[in-house]
Amino acid sequence: MYRKILVANRGEIAVRVMRACRELGIRTVAIYSEADREALHVQYADEAYPVGPPPAKESYLDVAAIIDVASRAEVEAIHPGYGFLSENPHFAAVCRTWGIDFVGPDPDAIEKMGDKAKARELMRSSGVPVIPGSEGTVSGFEEAEAVAREIGYPVLVKAAGGGGGRGIRVVGSAEELRRALEGAEREARSAFGTGELYIEKFLPNPRHVEIQVLADRHGHTLSLYERDSSIQRRRQKILEESPCPVLAPEMRARMSEAAVLAAEAVGYTGAGTVEFLLDPESQSFYFIEMNTRIQVEHPVTEAILGVDIVKEQIRVAAGQALSFTQEDLAVRGAAIEFRINAEDPENRFLPSPGQVTRLRWPLGPGVRVDEGLVEGGFVQPYYDSLIAKLVVWGADREEALMRARRALAECEVEGVKTTIPLFRRLVADPDFVAGRYSTRWLEESFLAQPVG
């Protein structure tokens, strides 16, 4: 096992990884921008080093600066968390060049799954169901229009190098297609450095269901079953739960088998997530993408299975086998995760940076909080607005919802606006309580209701 790991991230995920390291007896090294000098992850680590000014591209995305710290601190491995450099094959390769283990998959696997269009074709050839659409990227309007006409409108125009809901347009007719292609290409080029696009059939009311996988270098690839991530705003997840309220055991088995097949197709190692769209009416599911990193919502899976996914990541990177088998995994109860963002739900979810003047997280049975700051800390305007994740567990979904209401009522965050009031309303909504929602439900139904 490693003696020392550098965590190339910040906020709650950096603290989460460091906690796993501490339980494994591993010393931790934090990096920080000038804005994060007093941040919680800096205080928690055994050592901490500055890497640059507040903008992420000059600090948390500066590969040379991070490798320099890793070299000086004499670490054996780097854990990238999620976001930033976690799905950057160049960074993973540079780590390897410097003799530092990257706690994640090989660069080749990251690259194969990073191009969404190529990943679709790889999955199709491997027998994993994919949504009808173009074979690879489209070269212009004529080719895109031919694909759209063949599979039928409405369609999705999607960025090949995309993620996080960016570079996507819903198109209902040929007249809209040209404008959508131009807009998606501009957004994709700005966000991902490439304007390549592909076309997919648009499913009107799907569920977003993802399968957590773990794989080691000893021939073991496991499914840790599903999370329902359908509660989304602008294609960004804000809440996740497991098990999926509408997934039958037979469907869970089929999706798990497809996810393992997808991971094995790229020789995957470590923790990853295979994302699908589920059509509840036809009981069909389709591959969307694979996230080649730890997910924000991994605690939901940990809650229902009693495993520590981050520890398994570290064990795999160190060359060890997974500490459990598929037969050891049994779903127990239900869990829900709420992403506590510093945003104003009453004002178009605008970010709300500033100092947190009062902070009290809930406690008690079945409640977990992965926090990224403490009272008196600052929500910085330079980074993602996620400040904590509230995770509740119950013996069944009804108990999980009861605990969610209690825990959300106990939350006290002052000084910045947060999504907590939104979640308090959400867990009382009859449709959500009944599990009647899709990826479009939050925006088109719930948020359309008057408040009060």
Protein backbone atom coordinates (compact mmCIF):
# COMPACT_ATOMS: atom_id res chain seq x y z
CA MET A 1 0.00 0.00 0.00
CA TYR A 2 1.07 3.58 -0.63
CA ARG A 3 2.70 5.70 2.03
CA LYS A 4 1.69 9.09 0.59
CA ILE A 5 -0.89 10.30 -1.96
CA LEU A 6 -1.41 13.73 -3.51
CA VAL A 7 -5.07 14.68 -3.96
CA ALA A 8 -5.28 16.85 -7.09
CA ASN A 9 -8.58 18.48 -6.23
CA ARG A 10 -10.37 20.71 -3.73
CA GLY A 11 -13.61 20.96 -1.76
CA GLU A 12 -15.67 18.04 -0.54
CA ILE A 13 -14.19 15.40 -2.85
CA ALA A 14 -10.65 16.23 -1.72
CA VAL A 15 -11.69 15.82 1.92
CA ARG A 16 -13.56 12.62 1.07
CA VAL A 17 -10.47 11.07 -0.55
CA MET A 18 -8.25 12.18 2.33
CA ARG A 19 -10.56 10.52 4.85
CA ALA A 20 -10.27 7.24 2.97
CA CYS A 21 -6.48 7.64 2.91
CA ARG A 22 -6.38 8.28 6.64
CA GLU A 23 -8.29 5.05 7.31
CA LEU A 24 -5.79 3.21 5.12
CA GLY A 25 -2.85 4.73 6.98
CA ILE A 26 -1.76 6.84 4.00
CA ARG A 27 -0.41 10.36 4.42
CA THR A 28 -2.02 13.00 2.19
CA VAL A 29 -0.78 16.01 0.27
CA ALA A 30 -3.15 18.84 -0.68
CA ILE A 31 -2.72 21.43 -3.39
CA TYR A 32 -4.40 24.82 -3.26
CA SER A 33 -4.87 28.00 -5.23
CA GLU A 34 -4.36 31.39 -3.60
CA ALA A 35 -8.13 31.59 -3.04
CA ASP A 36 -8.15 28.27 -1.15
CA ARG A 37 -5.30 28.94 1.25
CA GLU A 38 -7.58 28.47 4.30
CA ALA A 39 -9.87 25.84 2.75
CA LEU A 40 -10.96 22.72 4.63
CA HIS A 41 -9.07 20.30 2.40
CA VAL A 42 -5.86 22.24 3.08
CA GLN A 43 -6.43 22.03 6.83
CA TYR A 44 -7.25 18.33 6.71
CA ALA A 45 -4.21 17.18 4.73
CA ASP A 46 -0.90 16.19 6.28
CA GLU A 47 0.94 18.53 3.89
CA ALA A 48 -0.24 21.32 1.60
CA TYR A 49 1.39 23.21 -1.28
CA PRO A 50 0.31 26.22 -3.36
CA VAL A 51 -0.05 25.71 -7.12
CA GLY A 52 -1.10 29.11 -8.46
CA PRO A 53 -3.63 31.94 -8.68
CA PRO A 54 -7.41 31.48 -8.15
CA PRO A 55 -8.45 30.64 -11.75
CA ALA A 56 -8.54 26.85 -12.14
CA LYS A 57 -6.58 26.88 -15.40
CA GLU A 58 -3.69 28.53 -13.53
CA SER A 59 -3.78 26.22 -10.51
CA TYR A 60 -5.87 23.04 -10.34
CA LEU A 61 -5.46 22.46 -14.08
CA ASP A 62 -1.75 23.26 -14.19
CA VAL A 63 -0.21 19.85 -14.84
CA ALA A 64 3.38 21.05 -14.50
CA ALA A 65 2.72 22.71 -11.14
CA ILE A 66 0.96 19.63 -9.77
CA ILE A 67 3.69 17.24 -10.92
CA ASP A 68 6.29 19.56 -9.39
CA VAL A 69 4.52 19.36 -6.01
CA ALA A 70 4.17 15.58 -6.33
CA SER A 71 7.88 15.28 -7.00
CA ARG A 72 8.90 17.54 -4.13
CA ALA A 73 6.52 15.85 -1.71
CA GLU A 74 7.73 12.40 -2.86
CA VAL A 75 4.26 10.95 -3.31
CA GLU A 76 3.70 7.54 -4.86
CA ALA A 77 0.26 8.24 -6.34
CA ILE A 78 -2.12 11.03 -7.33
CA HIS A 79 -5.88 10.83 -6.83
CA PRO A 80 -7.65 13.29 -9.17
CA GLY A 81 -11.14 13.18 -7.59
CA TYR A 82 -13.75 14.26 -10.14
CA GLY A 83 -13.71 17.23 -12.51
CA PHE A 84 -10.49 19.15 -13.19
CA LEU A 85 -7.91 16.60 -14.48
CA SER A 86 -9.75 13.41 -13.53
CA GLU A 87 -10.63 12.45 -17.13
CA ASN A 88 -7.57 13.92 -18.79
CA PRO A 89 -5.57 11.14 -20.52
CA HIS A 90 -2.57 13.46 -20.92
CA PHE A 91 -2.39 14.02 -17.16
CA ALA A 92 -2.70 10.29 -16.48
CA ALA A 93 0.11 9.62 -18.96
CA VAL A 94 2.33 12.33 -17.46
CA CYS A 95 1.90 10.77 -14.02
CA ARG A 96 3.04 7.45 -15.42
CA THR A 97 6.05 9.10 -17.11
CA TRP A 98 7.14 10.51 -13.76
CA GLY A 99 6.76 7.15 -12.04
CA ILE A 100 3.64 8.23 -10.13
CA ASP A 101 0.56 6.02 -10.04
CA PHE A 102 -2.65 7.64 -11.30
CA VAL A 103 -5.59 6.52 -9.16
CA GLY A 104 -7.86 5.84 -12.10
CA PRO A 105 -7.96 3.93 -15.37
CA ASP A 106 -5.19 3.78 -17.95
CA PRO A 107 -4.88 6.78 -20.31
CA ASP A 108 -6.05 4.64 -23.22
CA ALA A 109 -9.35 3.81 -21.50
CA ILE A 110 -9.93 7.47 -20.60
CA GLU A 111 -9.28 8.50 -24.19
CA LYS A 112 -11.56 5.84 -25.68
CA MET A 113 -14.47 6.80 -23.45
CA GLY A 114 -13.75 10.53 -23.59
CA ASP A 115 -14.84 10.84 -27.21
CA LYS A 116 -18.58 10.23 -26.91
CA ALA A 117 -19.09 9.45 -30.60
CA LYS A 118 -16.25 6.89 -30.68
CA ALA A 119 -17.42 5.43 -27.39
CA ARG A 120 -20.88 4.86 -28.91
CA GLU A 121 -19.38 2.94 -31.79
CA LEU A 122 -17.19 0.88 -29.48
CA MET A 123 -20.21 0.01 -27.36
CA ARG A 124 -22.27 -0.85 -30.43
CA SER A 125 -19.57 -3.23 -31.67
CA SER A 126 -19.29 -4.76 -28.18
CA GLY A 127 -22.98 -5.57 -27.96
CA VAL A 128 -23.98 -2.80 -25.54
CA PRO A 129 -27.32 -1.17 -26.54
CA VAL A 130 -26.93 2.38 -27.87
CA ILE A 131 -29.53 4.97 -28.87
CA PRO A 132 -30.17 5.08 -32.63
CA GLY A 133 -28.10 7.81 -34.26
CA SER A 134 -25.09 8.62 -36.41
CA GLU A 135 -22.19 6.24 -36.77
CA GLY A 136 -19.49 8.51 -35.40
CA THR A 137 -19.48 12.26 -35.91
CA VAL A 138 -21.30 14.16 -38.66
CA SER A 139 -19.37 16.41 -41.04
CA GLY A 140 -22.04 19.00 -41.79
CA PHE A 141 -25.69 19.85 -42.21
CA GLU A 142 -26.39 17.48 -45.09
CA GLU A 143 -25.02 14.43 -43.30
CA ALA A 144 -26.71 15.40 -40.03
CA GLU A 145 -30.02 15.97 -41.77
CA ALA A 146 -29.84 12.59 -43.49
CA VAL A 147 -29.30 10.84 -40.14
CA ALA A 148 -32.10 12.82 -38.48
CA ARG A 149 -34.49 12.01 -41.32
CA GLU A 150 -33.62 8.30 -41.08
CA ILE A 151 -34.13 7.94 -37.30
CA GLY A 152 -36.94 10.49 -37.12
CA TYR A 153 -37.33 13.80 -35.32
CA PRO A 154 -36.95 14.92 -32.58
CA VAL A 155 -33.19 14.32 -32.31
CA LEU A 156 -30.32 15.44 -30.12
CA VAL A 157 -27.25 17.23 -31.47
CA LYS A 158 -24.44 16.34 -29.06
CA ALA A 159 -20.79 17.30 -28.62
CA ALA A 160 -18.42 14.37 -29.18
CA GLY A 161 -16.03 15.64 -26.52
CA GLY A 162 -18.84 16.67 -24.20
CA GLY A 163 -20.01 16.23 -20.67
CA GLY A 164 -21.96 18.09 -18.01
CA GLY A 165 -24.87 18.79 -20.34
CA ARG A 166 -22.93 21.21 -22.56
CA GLY A 167 -22.92 21.19 -26.36
CA ILE A 168 -26.38 19.59 -26.57
CA ARG A 169 -29.43 20.78 -28.53
CA VAL A 170 -32.91 19.24 -28.92
CA VAL A 171 -34.05 19.57 -32.54
CA GLY A 172 -37.63 19.05 -33.65
CA SER A 173 -37.38 19.69 -37.40
CA ALA A 174 -34.98 20.12 -40.33
CA GLU A 175 -35.55 23.88 -40.14
CA GLU A 176 -34.10 23.95 -36.60
CA LEU A 177 -31.20 21.64 -37.35
CA ARG A 178 -28.79 24.05 -39.04
CA ARG A 179 -29.07 26.61 -36.24
CA ALA A 180 -28.68 23.89 -33.61
CA LEU A 181 -25.54 22.53 -35.27
CA GLU A 182 -23.95 25.98 -35.33
CA GLY A 183 -24.80 26.72 -31.69
CA ALA A 184 -23.70 23.32 -30.39
CA GLU A 185 -20.43 23.51 -32.33
CA ARG A 186 -19.58 26.93 -30.86
CA GLU A 187 -20.38 25.79 -27.33
CA ALA A 188 -18.50 22.50 -27.75
CA ARG A 189 -15.41 24.18 -29.18
CA SER A 190 -15.35 26.64 -26.29
CA ALA A 191 -15.95 24.03 -23.58
CA PHE A 192 -14.03 21.01 -24.90
CA GLY A 193 -11.61 22.32 -27.53
CA THR A 194 -13.33 20.41 -30.34
CA GLY A 195 -16.48 21.19 -32.28
CA GLU A 196 -17.18 17.63 -33.43
CA LEU A 197 -20.84 16.62 -33.13
CA TYR A 198 -23.00 13.53 -33.48
CA ILE A 199 -26.73 12.86 -33.73
CA GLU A 200 -28.89 10.77 -31.41
CA LYS A 201 -32.59 9.96 -31.25
CA PHE A 202 -34.33 12.08 -28.60
CA LEU A 203 -36.30 10.12 -26.00
CA PRO A 204 -39.11 12.31 -24.62
CA ASN A 205 -39.42 11.11 -21.00
CA PRO A 206 -36.55 8.80 -20.08
CA ARG A 207 -34.99 7.96 -16.73
CA HIS A 208 -31.25 8.55 -16.33
CA VAL A 209 -29.98 5.36 -14.71
CA GLU A 210 -26.29 4.67 -14.20
CA ILE A 211 -24.37 1.59 -13.09
CA GLN A 212 -21.35 1.91 -10.81
CA VAL A 213 -18.55 -0.47 -11.79
CA LEU A 214 -15.27 -1.45 -10.17
CA ALA A 215 -12.48 -3.40 -11.85
CA ASP A 216 -9.03 -4.54 -10.78
CA ARG A 217 -6.01 -5.85 -12.68
CA HIS A 218 -6.70 -9.42 -11.63
CA GLY A 219 -9.60 -10.07 -13.99
CA HIS A 220 -12.45 -8.93 -11.75
CA THR A 221 -15.05 -6.44 -13.03
CA LEU A 222 -18.07 -5.91 -10.78
CA SER A 223 -21.38 -4.08 -10.97
CA LEU A 224 -22.29 -2.12 -7.85
CA TYR A 225 -25.79 -1.71 -9.24
CA GLU A 226 -27.71 1.39 -10.16
CA ARG A 227 -28.36 4.98 -9.22
CA ASP A 228 -31.28 6.99 -10.59
CA SER A 229 -29.97 10.42 -11.57
CA SER A 230 -33.07 11.68 -13.38
CA ILE A 231 -33.63 14.76 -11.19
CA GLN A 232 -31.76 17.24 -13.37
CA ARG A 233 -31.72 20.90 -14.25
CA ARG A 234 -30.18 21.90 -17.57
CA ARG A 235 -28.97 18.30 -17.80
CA GLN A 236 -27.05 18.73 -14.55
CA LYS A 237 -27.83 16.24 -11.79
CA ILE A 238 -28.92 17.71 -8.46
CA LEU A 239 -30.23 14.60 -6.67
CA GLU A 240 -29.58 10.88 -6.97
CA GLU A 241 -31.14 7.83 -5.37
CA SER A 242 -30.67 4.10 -5.24
CA PRO A 243 -32.30 1.77 -5.96
CA CYS A 244 -34.12 3.24 -8.94
CA PRO A 245 -37.83 3.30 -7.97
CA VAL A 246 -39.00 1.86 -11.32
CA LEU A 247 -36.28 -0.70 -12.06
CA ALA A 248 -37.29 -4.35 -11.89
CA PRO A 249 -34.70 -6.95 -10.73
CA GLU A 250 -34.52 -8.46 -14.21
CA MET A 251 -33.76 -5.05 -15.73
CA ARG A 252 -31.13 -4.37 -13.05
CA ALA A 253 -29.40 -7.62 -14.01
CA ARG A 254 -29.47 -6.75 -17.73
CA MET A 255 -28.11 -3.23 -17.18
CA SER A 256 -25.41 -4.52 -14.83
CA GLU A 257 -24.34 -7.08 -17.43
CA ALA A 258 -24.16 -4.35 -20.11
CA ALA A 259 -22.12 -2.08 -17.83
CA VAL A 260 -19.59 -4.80 -17.07
CA LEU A 261 -19.37 -5.55 -20.79
CA ALA A 262 -18.72 -1.85 -21.49
CA ALA A 263 -15.93 -1.67 -18.90
CA GLU A 264 -14.28 -4.85 -20.15
CA ALA A 265 -14.42 -3.57 -23.74
CA VAL A 266 -11.87 -0.86 -22.86
CA GLY A 267 -9.82 -2.85 -20.37
CA TYR A 268 -11.08 -0.69 -17.54
CA THR A 269 -9.55 -0.59 -14.05
CA GLY A 270 -10.69 1.33 -10.98
CA ALA A 271 -14.03 3.00 -10.35
CA GLY A 272 -16.20 4.11 -13.26
CA THR A 273 -19.83 4.74 -14.09
CA VAL A 274 -21.69 3.55 -17.17
CA GLU A 275 -24.65 5.83 -17.84
CA PHE A 276 -27.85 4.74 -19.58
CA LEU A 277 -31.19 6.20 -20.59
CA LEU A 278 -34.09 3.98 -19.55
CA ASP A 279 -37.38 4.14 -21.45
CA PRO A 280 -39.92 3.03 -18.81
CA GLU A 281 -42.65 2.43 -21.39
CA SER A 282 -40.72 -0.02 -23.56
CA GLN A 283 -38.41 -1.19 -20.74
CA SER A 284 -35.48 -0.56 -23.09
CA PHE A 285 -32.18 1.02 -22.07
CA TYR A 286 -29.42 2.66 -24.06
CA PHE A 287 -25.77 3.55 -23.39
CA ILE A 288 -25.05 7.29 -23.12
CA GLU A 289 -21.46 7.52 -21.90
CA MET A 290 -18.96 6.25 -19.38
CA ASN A 291 -17.49 8.51 -16.70
CA THR A 292 -13.94 7.30 -16.14
CA ARG A 293 -13.61 8.59 -12.57
CA ILE A 294 -15.28 8.64 -9.18
CA GLN A 295 -18.75 10.23 -9.39
CA VAL A 296 -20.19 12.99 -7.21
CA GLU A 297 -22.99 10.59 -6.27
CA HIS A 298 -20.85 7.60 -5.23
CA PRO A 299 -21.99 7.82 -1.55
CA VAL A 300 -25.48 6.66 -2.57
CA THR A 301 -24.01 3.34 -3.69
CA GLU A 302 -21.82 3.11 -0.62
CA ALA A 303 -24.89 3.59 1.58
CA ILE A 304 -26.90 0.70 0.12
CA LEU A 305 -23.98 -1.74 -0.22
CA GLY A 306 -21.79 -0.94 2.79
CA VAL A 307 -18.61 -0.54 0.73
CA ASP A 308 -16.00 2.22 0.41
CA ILE A 309 -15.50 2.91 -3.30
CA VAL A 310 -12.60 5.34 -2.80
CA LYS A 311 -10.65 2.79 -0.77
CA GLU A 312 -11.22 0.25 -3.54
CA GLN A 313 -9.91 2.78 -6.09
CA ILE A 314 -6.72 3.14 -4.08
CA ARG A 315 -6.30 -0.60 -3.57
CA VAL A 316 -6.71 -1.24 -7.30
CA ALA A 317 -4.21 1.48 -8.23
CA ALA A 318 -1.71 -0.10 -5.82
CA GLY A 319 -2.09 -3.42 -7.66
CA GLN A 320 -4.32 -5.18 -5.16
CA ALA A 321 -7.44 -7.17 -5.96
CA LEU A 322 -10.90 -5.89 -5.05
CA SER A 323 -11.73 -6.74 -1.43
CA PHE A 324 -15.13 -8.30 -2.26
CA THR A 325 -16.82 -10.33 -5.00
CA GLN A 326 -20.06 -9.86 -6.92
CA GLU A 327 -21.72 -12.43 -4.66
CA ASP A 328 -20.83 -10.36 -1.59
CA LEU A 329 -22.89 -7.40 -2.83
CA ALA A 330 -26.51 -7.20 -1.75
CA VAL A 331 -28.68 -4.08 -1.96
CA ARG A 332 -29.85 -3.07 1.52
CA GLY A 333 -32.46 -0.37 1.96
CA ALA A 334 -32.62 2.89 0.00
CA ALA A 335 -30.50 6.03 -0.12
CA ILE A 336 -30.88 9.55 -1.51
CA GLU A 337 -28.17 12.17 -2.09
CA PHE A 338 -28.84 15.92 -2.21
CA ARG A 339 -26.24 18.19 -3.78
CA ILE A 340 -26.06 21.26 -1.56
CA ASN A 341 -25.00 23.98 -3.97
CA ALA A 342 -24.38 27.65 -3.17
CA GLU A 343 -27.03 28.76 -5.65
CA ASP A 344 -30.26 30.75 -5.46
CA PRO A 345 -33.16 28.55 -6.65
CA GLU A 346 -35.49 31.56 -6.58
CA ASN A 347 -33.26 33.55 -8.94
CA ARG A 348 -32.48 31.23 -11.87
CA PHE A 349 -30.03 29.23 -9.73
CA LEU A 350 -27.45 31.99 -9.88
CA PRO A 351 -24.24 31.15 -7.95
CA SER A 352 -24.07 32.63 -4.47
CA PRO A 353 -20.42 33.03 -3.48
CA GLY A 354 -19.42 34.56 -0.16
CA GLN A 355 -18.66 33.75 3.46
CA VAL A 356 -20.71 31.13 5.29
CA THR A 357 -21.52 32.87 8.56
CA ARG A 358 -23.43 29.97 10.16
CA LEU A 359 -23.25 26.28 9.35
CA ARG A 360 -24.94 23.34 11.05
CA TRP A 361 -25.25 19.96 9.37
CA PRO A 362 -27.75 17.31 10.47
CA LEU A 363 -26.78 14.28 12.52
CA GLY A 364 -28.51 11.10 13.66
CA PRO A 365 -29.22 7.64 12.26
CA GLY A 366 -28.88 7.14 8.53
CA VAL A 367 -27.42 10.59 7.82
CA ARG A 368 -24.08 11.37 6.16
CA VAL A 369 -22.63 14.72 5.10
CA ASP A 370 -19.59 15.06 2.86
CA GLU A 371 -18.70 18.70 3.43
CA GLY A 372 -16.26 20.96 1.62
CA LEU A 373 -16.05 23.87 4.06
CA VAL A 374 -16.63 24.85 7.69
CA GLU A 375 -18.40 27.75 9.34
CA GLY A 376 -16.58 30.98 8.48
CA GLY A 377 -15.27 29.51 5.23
CA PHE A 378 -15.75 31.07 1.83
CA VAL A 379 -17.64 29.81 -1.20
CA GLN A 380 -15.29 30.90 -3.97
CA PRO A 381 -16.62 32.35 -7.24
CA TYR A 382 -13.94 30.59 -9.30
CA TYR A 383 -15.11 27.00 -8.92
CA ASP A 384 -18.16 24.74 -8.87
CA SER A 385 -20.82 25.83 -6.37
CA LEU A 386 -21.12 22.43 -4.61
CA ILE A 387 -20.39 22.90 -0.91
CA ALA A 388 -21.62 19.60 0.52
CA LYS A 389 -23.57 16.41 -0.15
CA LEU A 390 -26.30 15.26 2.19
CA VAL A 391 -26.91 11.51 2.00
CA VAL A 392 -29.74 9.75 3.85
CA TRP A 393 -30.33 6.01 4.18
CA GLY A 394 -33.41 4.10 5.26
CA ALA A 395 -34.54 0.50 5.48
CA ASP A 396 -36.80 1.33 2.52
CA ARG A 397 -37.53 4.37 0.35
CA GLU A 398 -40.29 5.57 2.67
CA GLU A 399 -37.91 5.70 5.63
CA ALA A 400 -35.23 7.35 3.50
CA LEU A 401 -37.72 10.09 2.57
CA MET A 402 -38.71 10.58 6.21
CA ARG A 403 -35.05 10.93 7.18
CA ALA A 404 -34.50 13.31 4.28
CA ARG A 405 -37.26 15.61 5.53
CA ARG A 406 -35.86 15.54 9.05
CA ALA A 407 -32.25 16.08 7.94
CA LEU A 408 -33.09 18.91 5.54
CA ALA A 409 -35.06 20.63 8.29
CA GLU A 410 -31.98 20.48 10.54
CA CYS A 411 -29.65 22.05 7.96
CA GLU A 412 -28.64 25.63 8.76
CA VAL A 413 -26.53 27.53 6.23
CA GLU A 414 -26.36 31.33 6.44
CA GLY A 415 -24.38 33.91 4.49
CA VAL A 416 -25.01 32.34 1.07
CA LYS A 417 -28.08 31.07 -0.76
CA THR A 418 -28.34 27.29 -1.16
CA THR A 419 -30.50 24.63 -2.78
CA ILE A 420 -31.73 23.39 0.62
CA PRO A 421 -35.16 25.16 0.41
CA LEU A 422 -35.69 23.57 -3.02
CA PHE A 423 -35.01 20.11 -1.61
CA ARG A 424 -37.36 20.68 1.34
CA ARG A 425 -40.15 21.29 -1.18
CA LEU A 426 -39.06 18.43 -3.39
CA VAL A 427 -39.25 15.69 -0.73
CA ALA A 428 -42.86 16.71 -0.01
CA ASP A 429 -43.96 16.65 -3.66
CA PRO A 430 -46.45 13.83 -4.38
CA ASP A 431 -44.90 12.92 -7.76
CA PHE A 432 -41.40 12.68 -6.31
CA VAL A 433 -42.63 10.72 -3.29
CA ALA A 434 -44.31 8.28 -5.68
CA GLY A 435 -41.18 8.02 -7.85
CA ARG A 436 -43.01 9.48 -10.86
CA TYR A 437 -40.35 11.54 -12.58
CA SER A 438 -38.10 11.67 -15.63
CA THR A 439 -35.11 13.74 -16.73
CA ARG A 440 -37.49 16.53 -17.80
CA TRP A 441 -39.81 16.45 -14.77
CA LEU A 442 -37.91 18.87 -12.52
CA GLU A 443 -37.83 21.73 -15.03
CA GLU A 444 -41.10 21.15 -16.86
CA SER A 445 -43.30 20.20 -13.90
CA PHE A 446 -41.87 20.78 -10.44
CA LEU A 447 -40.07 24.10 -11.04
CA ALA A 448 -43.03 25.35 -13.07
CA GLN A 449 -45.22 25.22 -9.95
CA PRO A 450 -45.67 28.45 -7.95
CA VAL A 451 -43.75 28.52 -4.66
CA GLY A 452 -45.77 28.91 -1.47
